[in-house]
Protein backbone atom coordinates (compact mmCIF):
# COMPACT_ATOMS: atom_id res chain seq x y z
CA UNK A 1 0.00 0.00 0.00
CA UNK A 2 1.31 3.47 -0.83
CA UNK A 3 1.39 6.63 1.24
CA UNK A 4 2.71 10.10 0.43
CA UNK A 5 4.32 12.18 3.17
CA UNK A 6 4.48 16.01 2.88
CA UNK A 7 4.23 15.76 -0.91
CA UNK A 8 7.95 14.87 -0.79
CA UNK A 9 8.28 11.22 0.18
CA UNK A 10 6.45 8.22 -1.18
CA UNK A 11 6.58 4.94 0.72
CA UNK A 12 5.00 1.52 0.75
CA UNK A 13 3.71 -0.26 3.83
CA UNK A 14 2.83 -3.97 4.06
CA UNK A 15 -0.67 -5.04 3.01
CA UNK A 16 -1.20 -6.67 6.41
CA UNK A 17 -1.12 -3.16 7.94
CA UNK A 18 -3.87 -0.57 7.94
CA UNK A 19 -3.61 3.21 7.96
CA UNK A 20 -4.18 4.72 11.43
CA UNK A 21 -6.62 7.65 11.60
CA UNK A 22 -5.77 10.81 13.54
CA UNK A 23 -7.87 9.90 16.62
CA UNK A 24 -6.13 6.56 16.94
CA UNK A 25 -2.73 8.23 16.57
CA UNK A 26 -3.63 10.63 19.41
CA UNK A 27 -4.40 7.63 21.63
CA UNK A 28 -0.81 6.41 21.34
CA UNK A 29 1.06 9.68 20.80
CA UNK A 30 0.57 13.05 22.46
CA UNK A 31 0.04 14.58 19.06
CA UNK A 32 -0.78 13.21 15.64
CA UNK A 33 0.60 16.39 14.12
CA UNK A 34 3.38 15.69 11.61
CA UNK A 35 3.00 11.93 11.98
CA UNK A 36 1.34 9.12 10.02
CA UNK A 37 1.02 5.57 11.22
CA UNK A 38 0.23 2.05 10.10
CA UNK A 39 -0.89 -0.82 12.35
CA UNK A 40 -0.90 -4.61 12.21
CA UNK A 41 -3.34 -5.99 14.79
CA UNK A 42 -2.07 -9.60 14.64
CA UNK A 43 1.50 -8.61 15.49
CA UNK A 44 0.46 -5.77 17.81
CA UNK A 45 2.76 -3.54 15.80
CA UNK A 46 2.74 0.10 14.73
CA UNK A 47 5.03 1.75 12.21
CA UNK A 48 4.99 5.54 12.20
CA UNK A 49 6.65 8.23 10.13
CA UNK A 50 7.14 11.66 11.66
CA UNK A 51 8.67 14.81 10.21
CA UNK A 52 9.76 18.30 11.13
CA UNK A 53 8.53 21.50 9.58
CA UNK A 54 10.84 22.61 6.76
CA UNK A 55 14.20 23.70 8.15
CA UNK A 56 15.48 27.10 7.15
CA UNK A 57 19.16 28.03 7.22
CA UNK A 58 19.06 29.19 10.85
CA UNK A 59 17.26 26.12 12.25
CA UNK A 60 19.36 23.74 10.15
CA UNK A 61 22.43 24.97 12.05
CA UNK A 62 20.95 23.74 15.34
CA UNK A 63 18.75 20.86 14.25
CA UNK A 64 20.03 17.83 12.39
CA UNK A 65 19.09 14.15 12.23
CA UNK A 66 21.37 13.25 15.16
CA UNK A 67 20.07 16.02 17.43
CA UNK A 68 16.51 14.99 16.53
CA UNK A 69 17.34 11.39 17.45
CA UNK A 70 18.92 12.49 20.74
CA UNK A 71 15.79 14.48 21.61
CA UNK A 72 13.62 11.43 20.83
CA UNK A 73 15.79 9.33 23.16
CA UNK A 74 15.66 11.94 25.94
CA UNK A 75 11.88 12.32 25.73
CA UNK A 76 11.34 8.56 25.83
CA UNK A 77 13.74 8.14 28.74
CA UNK A 78 11.63 10.52 30.83
CA UNK A 79 8.18 9.44 29.57
CA UNK A 80 8.36 5.64 29.24
CA UNK A 81 8.60 3.13 32.09
CA UNK A 82 11.88 1.16 32.20
CA UNK A 83 12.93 2.63 28.86
CA UNK A 84 16.25 1.34 27.52
CA UNK A 85 18.26 2.19 24.42
CA UNK A 86 19.38 -1.28 23.40
CA UNK A 87 21.61 -1.04 20.32
CA UNK A 88 22.63 1.45 17.65
CA UNK A 89 21.56 0.77 14.07
CA UNK A 90 22.14 2.37 10.69
CA UNK A 91 20.10 2.15 7.50
CA UNK A 92 20.11 3.71 4.07
CA UNK A 93 17.16 6.00 3.34
CA UNK A 94 16.76 7.45 -0.14
CA UNK A 95 20.46 6.92 -0.80
CA UNK A 96 21.59 8.64 2.41
CA UNK A 97 22.92 7.11 5.59
CA UNK A 98 20.48 7.23 8.52
CA UNK A 99 21.27 6.59 12.18
CA UNK A 100 19.02 5.07 14.78
CA UNK A 101 18.71 2.59 17.59
CA UNK A 102 16.67 -0.28 18.98
CA UNK A 103 14.82 0.35 22.24
CA UNK A 104 12.47 -1.26 24.74
CA UNK A 105 10.12 -0.17 27.53
CA UNK A 106 7.21 -1.39 29.65
CA UNK A 107 3.71 -0.35 28.54
CA UNK A 108 2.12 1.90 31.16
CA UNK A 109 -1.29 0.24 31.10
CA UNK A 110 -0.28 -3.44 30.97
CA UNK A 111 3.39 -3.63 31.92
CA UNK A 112 3.99 -5.74 28.80
CA UNK A 113 7.48 -5.24 27.39
CA UNK A 114 7.46 -3.27 24.14
CA UNK A 115 10.28 -3.30 21.61
CA UNK A 116 11.06 -1.08 18.70
CA UNK A 117 13.51 0.64 16.42
CA UNK A 118 13.84 4.22 15.22
CA UNK A 119 15.89 5.94 12.52
CA UNK A 120 16.18 9.58 11.48
CA UNK A 121 17.23 11.02 8.14
CA UNK A 122 17.44 14.52 6.69
CA UNK A 123 15.72 14.46 3.31
CA UNK A 124 15.23 17.73 1.52
CA UNK A 125 14.45 20.44 4.08
CA UNK A 126 12.91 18.10 6.66
CA UNK A 127 14.06 15.53 9.13
CA UNK A 128 12.09 12.31 8.99
CA UNK A 129 11.77 9.84 11.85
CA UNK A 130 10.64 6.27 11.12
CA UNK A 131 9.89 3.98 14.05
CA UNK A 132 8.14 0.79 14.99
CA UNK A 133 6.81 -0.37 18.31
CA UNK A 134 5.49 -3.83 19.10
CA UNK A 135 4.82 -6.29 21.88
CA UNK A 136 5.16 -9.19 19.44
CA UNK A 137 7.83 -11.80 19.99
CA UNK A 138 8.08 -12.28 16.22
CA UNK A 139 11.08 -10.02 15.74
CA UNK A 140 11.75 -11.36 12.25
CA UNK A 141 8.34 -10.18 10.98
CA UNK A 142 8.66 -6.81 12.73
CA UNK A 143 12.16 -6.12 11.45
CA UNK A 144 11.18 -7.16 7.92
CA UNK A 145 8.14 -4.84 7.92
CA UNK A 146 10.24 -1.94 9.26
CA UNK A 147 12.99 -2.58 6.71
CA UNK A 148 10.43 -2.79 3.90
CA UNK A 149 9.01 0.65 4.72
CA UNK A 150 12.49 2.19 4.91
CA UNK A 151 13.68 0.54 1.70
CA UNK A 152 10.54 1.72 -0.13
CA UNK A 153 10.97 5.42 0.73
CA UNK A 154 11.53 7.56 -2.36
CA UNK A 155 11.96 11.29 -2.81
CA UNK A 156 9.25 12.34 -5.24
CA UNK A 157 10.93 15.42 -6.72
CA UNK A 158 14.16 13.84 -7.88
C-alpha atoms as a PDB file:
ATOM      1  CA  UNK A   1       0.000   0.000   0.000  1.00  0.00           C
ATOM      2  CA  UNK A   2       1.310   3.470  -0.829  1.00  0.00           C
ATOM      3  CA  UNK A   3       1.391   6.635   1.244  1.00  0.00           C
ATOM      4  CA  UNK A   4       2.712  10.103   0.434  1.00  0.00           C
ATOM      5  CA  UNK A   5       4.316  12.180   3.174  1.00  0.00           C
ATOM      6  CA  UNK A   6       4.483  16.005   2.878  1.00  0.00           C
ATOM      7  CA  UNK A   7       4.231  15.758  -0.914  1.00  0.00           C
ATOM      8  CA  UNK A   8       7.954  14.871  -0.794  1.00  0.00           C
ATOM      9  CA  UNK A   9       8.282  11.223   0.185  1.00  0.00           C
ATOM     10  CA  UNK A  10       6.452   8.221  -1.183  1.00  0.00           C
ATOM     11  CA  UNK A  11       6.583   4.942   0.716  1.00  0.00           C
ATOM     12  CA  UNK A  12       4.998   1.522   0.750  1.00  0.00           C
ATOM     13  CA  UNK A  13       3.711  -0.264   3.829  1.00  0.00           C
ATOM     14  CA  UNK A  14       2.832  -3.968   4.057  1.00  0.00           C
ATOM     15  CA  UNK A  15      -0.668  -5.039   3.014  1.00  0.00           C
ATOM     16  CA  UNK A  16      -1.202  -6.670   6.411  1.00  0.00           C
ATOM     17  CA  UNK A  17      -1.115  -3.163   7.941  1.00  0.00           C
ATOM     18  CA  UNK A  18      -3.875  -0.574   7.943  1.00  0.00           C
ATOM     19  CA  UNK A  19      -3.609   3.211   7.955  1.00  0.00           C
ATOM     20  CA  UNK A  20      -4.183   4.725  11.425  1.00  0.00           C
ATOM     21  CA  UNK A  21      -6.619   7.647  11.596  1.00  0.00           C
ATOM     22  CA  UNK A  22      -5.772  10.812  13.539  1.00  0.00           C
ATOM     23  CA  UNK A  23      -7.869   9.904  16.622  1.00  0.00           C
ATOM     24  CA  UNK A  24      -6.128   6.556  16.944  1.00  0.00           C
ATOM     25  CA  UNK A  25      -2.735   8.226  16.573  1.00  0.00           C
ATOM     26  CA  UNK A  26      -3.625  10.631  19.407  1.00  0.00           C
ATOM     27  CA  UNK A  27      -4.400   7.627  21.629  1.00  0.00           C
ATOM     28  CA  UNK A  28      -0.806   6.411  21.343  1.00  0.00           C
ATOM     29  CA  UNK A  29       1.058   9.675  20.802  1.00  0.00           C
ATOM     30  CA  UNK A  30       0.567  13.048  22.457  1.00  0.00           C
ATOM     31  CA  UNK A  31       0.040  14.576  19.055  1.00  0.00           C
ATOM     32  CA  UNK A  32      -0.780  13.209  15.644  1.00  0.00           C
ATOM     33  CA  UNK A  33       0.598  16.390  14.119  1.00  0.00           C
ATOM     34  CA  UNK A  34       3.376  15.693  11.607  1.00  0.00           C
ATOM     35  CA  UNK A  35       3.004  11.929  11.981  1.00  0.00           C
ATOM     36  CA  UNK A  36       1.344   9.124  10.023  1.00  0.00           C
ATOM     37  CA  UNK A  37       1.016   5.573  11.225  1.00  0.00           C
ATOM     38  CA  UNK A  38       0.229   2.051  10.097  1.00  0.00           C
ATOM     39  CA  UNK A  39      -0.890  -0.816  12.349  1.00  0.00           C
ATOM     40  CA  UNK A  40      -0.896  -4.606  12.211  1.00  0.00           C
ATOM     41  CA  UNK A  41      -3.337  -5.986  14.788  1.00  0.00           C
ATOM     42  CA  UNK A  42      -2.075  -9.601  14.641  1.00  0.00           C
ATOM     43  CA  UNK A  43       1.504  -8.609  15.485  1.00  0.00           C
ATOM     44  CA  UNK A  44       0.460  -5.767  17.815  1.00  0.00           C
ATOM     45  CA  UNK A  45       2.764  -3.539  15.802  1.00  0.00           C
ATOM     46  CA  UNK A  46       2.740   0.101  14.728  1.00  0.00           C
ATOM     47  CA  UNK A  47       5.032   1.748  12.205  1.00  0.00           C
ATOM     48  CA  UNK A  48       4.990   5.539  12.204  1.00  0.00           C
ATOM     49  CA  UNK A  49       6.652   8.234  10.127  1.00  0.00           C
ATOM     50  CA  UNK A  50       7.137  11.663  11.658  1.00  0.00           C
ATOM     51  CA  UNK A  51       8.666  14.806  10.215  1.00  0.00           C
ATOM     52  CA  UNK A  52       9.759  18.296  11.125  1.00  0.00           C
ATOM     53  CA  UNK A  53       8.526  21.501   9.580  1.00  0.00           C
ATOM     54  CA  UNK A  54      10.836  22.615   6.757  1.00  0.00           C
ATOM     55  CA  UNK A  55      14.198  23.698   8.150  1.00  0.00           C
ATOM     56  CA  UNK A  56      15.482  27.095   7.152  1.00  0.00           C
ATOM     57  CA  UNK A  57      19.160  28.031   7.215  1.00  0.00           C
ATOM     58  CA  UNK A  58      19.058  29.189  10.853  1.00  0.00           C
ATOM     59  CA  UNK A  59      17.264  26.117  12.246  1.00  0.00           C
ATOM     60  CA  UNK A  60      19.363  23.745  10.146  1.00  0.00           C
ATOM     61  CA  UNK A  61      22.431  24.971  12.053  1.00  0.00           C
ATOM     62  CA  UNK A  62      20.947  23.745  15.338  1.00  0.00           C
ATOM     63  CA  UNK A  63      18.755  20.859  14.252  1.00  0.00           C
ATOM     64  CA  UNK A  64      20.033  17.826  12.390  1.00  0.00           C
ATOM     65  CA  UNK A  65      19.088  14.147  12.227  1.00  0.00           C
ATOM     66  CA  UNK A  66      21.367  13.248  15.155  1.00  0.00           C
ATOM     67  CA  UNK A  67      20.066  16.022  17.425  1.00  0.00           C
ATOM     68  CA  UNK A  68      16.508  14.995  16.531  1.00  0.00           C
ATOM     69  CA  UNK A  69      17.340  11.387  17.450  1.00  0.00           C
ATOM     70  CA  UNK A  70      18.923  12.492  20.744  1.00  0.00           C
ATOM     71  CA  UNK A  71      15.788  14.476  21.611  1.00  0.00           C
ATOM     72  CA  UNK A  72      13.620  11.425  20.829  1.00  0.00           C
ATOM     73  CA  UNK A  73      15.786   9.327  23.162  1.00  0.00           C
ATOM     74  CA  UNK A  74      15.661  11.944  25.939  1.00  0.00           C
ATOM     75  CA  UNK A  75      11.882  12.320  25.728  1.00  0.00           C
ATOM     76  CA  UNK A  76      11.336   8.563  25.826  1.00  0.00           C
ATOM     77  CA  UNK A  77      13.736   8.137  28.737  1.00  0.00           C
ATOM     78  CA  UNK A  78      11.628  10.518  30.833  1.00  0.00           C
ATOM     79  CA  UNK A  79       8.185   9.440  29.574  1.00  0.00           C
ATOM     80  CA  UNK A  80       8.358   5.641  29.238  1.00  0.00           C
ATOM     81  CA  UNK A  81       8.598   3.135  32.085  1.00  0.00           C
ATOM     82  CA  UNK A  82      11.876   1.157  32.197  1.00  0.00           C
ATOM     83  CA  UNK A  83      12.934   2.634  28.865  1.00  0.00           C
ATOM     84  CA  UNK A  84      16.252   1.344  27.517  1.00  0.00           C
ATOM     85  CA  UNK A  85      18.258   2.195  24.420  1.00  0.00           C
ATOM     86  CA  UNK A  86      19.377  -1.284  23.402  1.00  0.00           C
ATOM     87  CA  UNK A  87      21.609  -1.039  20.324  1.00  0.00           C
ATOM     88  CA  UNK A  88      22.628   1.453  17.651  1.00  0.00           C
ATOM     89  CA  UNK A  89      21.563   0.769  14.069  1.00  0.00           C
ATOM     90  CA  UNK A  90      22.135   2.370  10.688  1.00  0.00           C
ATOM     91  CA  UNK A  91      20.105   2.152   7.502  1.00  0.00           C
ATOM     92  CA  UNK A  92      20.113   3.711   4.073  1.00  0.00           C
ATOM     93  CA  UNK A  93      17.160   5.997   3.343  1.00  0.00           C
ATOM     94  CA  UNK A  94      16.757   7.453  -0.144  1.00  0.00           C
ATOM     95  CA  UNK A  95      20.458   6.916  -0.798  1.00  0.00           C
ATOM     96  CA  UNK A  96      21.589   8.637   2.412  1.00  0.00           C
ATOM     97  CA  UNK A  97      22.921   7.113   5.594  1.00  0.00           C
ATOM     98  CA  UNK A  98      20.482   7.227   8.518  1.00  0.00           C
ATOM     99  CA  UNK A  99      21.274   6.594  12.181  1.00  0.00           C
ATOM    100  CA  UNK A 100      19.017   5.074  14.777  1.00  0.00           C
ATOM    101  CA  UNK A 101      18.711   2.593  17.590  1.00  0.00           C
ATOM    102  CA  UNK A 102      16.669  -0.280  18.979  1.00  0.00           C
ATOM    103  CA  UNK A 103      14.822   0.355  22.241  1.00  0.00           C
ATOM    104  CA  UNK A 104      12.466  -1.260  24.741  1.00  0.00           C
ATOM    105  CA  UNK A 105      10.117  -0.168  27.529  1.00  0.00           C
ATOM    106  CA  UNK A 106       7.206  -1.392  29.653  1.00  0.00           C
ATOM    107  CA  UNK A 107       3.711  -0.350  28.537  1.00  0.00           C
ATOM    108  CA  UNK A 108       2.122   1.896  31.160  1.00  0.00           C
ATOM    109  CA  UNK A 109      -1.288   0.244  31.104  1.00  0.00           C
ATOM    110  CA  UNK A 110      -0.284  -3.443  30.973  1.00  0.00           C
ATOM    111  CA  UNK A 111       3.386  -3.626  31.921  1.00  0.00           C
ATOM    112  CA  UNK A 112       3.989  -5.737  28.796  1.00  0.00           C
ATOM    113  CA  UNK A 113       7.478  -5.244  27.388  1.00  0.00           C
ATOM    114  CA  UNK A 114       7.461  -3.272  24.139  1.00  0.00           C
ATOM    115  CA  UNK A 115      10.283  -3.298  21.606  1.00  0.00           C
ATOM    116  CA  UNK A 116      11.061  -1.079  18.697  1.00  0.00           C
ATOM    117  CA  UNK A 117      13.507   0.644  16.420  1.00  0.00           C
ATOM    118  CA  UNK A 118      13.840   4.219  15.223  1.00  0.00           C
ATOM    119  CA  UNK A 119      15.893   5.945  12.525  1.00  0.00           C
ATOM    120  CA  UNK A 120      16.177   9.578  11.478  1.00  0.00           C
ATOM    121  CA  UNK A 121      17.229  11.025   8.138  1.00  0.00           C
ATOM    122  CA  UNK A 122      17.436  14.516   6.688  1.00  0.00           C
ATOM    123  CA  UNK A 123      15.719  14.456   3.312  1.00  0.00           C
ATOM    124  CA  UNK A 124      15.234  17.729   1.520  1.00  0.00           C
ATOM    125  CA  UNK A 125      14.455  20.437   4.082  1.00  0.00           C
ATOM    126  CA  UNK A 126      12.906  18.101   6.656  1.00  0.00           C
ATOM    127  CA  UNK A 127      14.065  15.533   9.131  1.00  0.00           C
ATOM    128  CA  UNK A 128      12.086  12.310   8.989  1.00  0.00           C
ATOM    129  CA  UNK A 129      11.765   9.838  11.846  1.00  0.00           C
ATOM    130  CA  UNK A 130      10.636   6.272  11.124  1.00  0.00           C
ATOM    131  CA  UNK A 131       9.886   3.981  14.045  1.00  0.00           C
ATOM    132  CA  UNK A 132       8.139   0.791  14.986  1.00  0.00           C
ATOM    133  CA  UNK A 133       6.808  -0.371  18.315  1.00  0.00           C
ATOM    134  CA  UNK A 134       5.489  -3.834  19.096  1.00  0.00           C
ATOM    135  CA  UNK A 135       4.817  -6.294  21.881  1.00  0.00           C
ATOM    136  CA  UNK A 136       5.156  -9.190  19.435  1.00  0.00           C
ATOM    137  CA  UNK A 137       7.829 -11.802  19.990  1.00  0.00           C
ATOM    138  CA  UNK A 138       8.079 -12.282  16.215  1.00  0.00           C
ATOM    139  CA  UNK A 139      11.082 -10.020  15.740  1.00  0.00           C
ATOM    140  CA  UNK A 140      11.748 -11.364  12.250  1.00  0.00           C
ATOM    141  CA  UNK A 141       8.342 -10.181  10.980  1.00  0.00           C
ATOM    142  CA  UNK A 142       8.663  -6.806  12.735  1.00  0.00           C
ATOM    143  CA  UNK A 143      12.158  -6.119  11.447  1.00  0.00           C
ATOM    144  CA  UNK A 144      11.180  -7.163   7.920  1.00  0.00           C
ATOM    145  CA  UNK A 145       8.135  -4.841   7.922  1.00  0.00           C
ATOM    146  CA  UNK A 146      10.236  -1.939   9.263  1.00  0.00           C
ATOM    147  CA  UNK A 147      12.990  -2.581   6.714  1.00  0.00           C
ATOM    148  CA  UNK A 148      10.425  -2.794   3.905  1.00  0.00           C
ATOM    149  CA  UNK A 149       9.012   0.646   4.724  1.00  0.00           C
ATOM    150  CA  UNK A 150      12.487   2.187   4.915  1.00  0.00           C
ATOM    151  CA  UNK A 151      13.676   0.541   1.695  1.00  0.00           C
ATOM    152  CA  UNK A 152      10.544   1.719  -0.131  1.00  0.00           C
ATOM    153  CA  UNK A 153      10.970   5.416   0.726  1.00  0.00           C
ATOM    154  CA  UNK A 154      11.525   7.561  -2.360  1.00  0.00           C
ATOM    155  CA  UNK A 155      11.958  11.293  -2.810  1.00  0.00           C
ATOM    156  CA  UNK A 156       9.247  12.342  -5.236  1.00  0.00           C
ATOM    157  CA  UNK A 157      10.928  15.421  -6.725  1.00  0.00           C
ATOM    158  CA  UNK A 158      14.164  13.839  -7.880  1.00  0.00           C
END
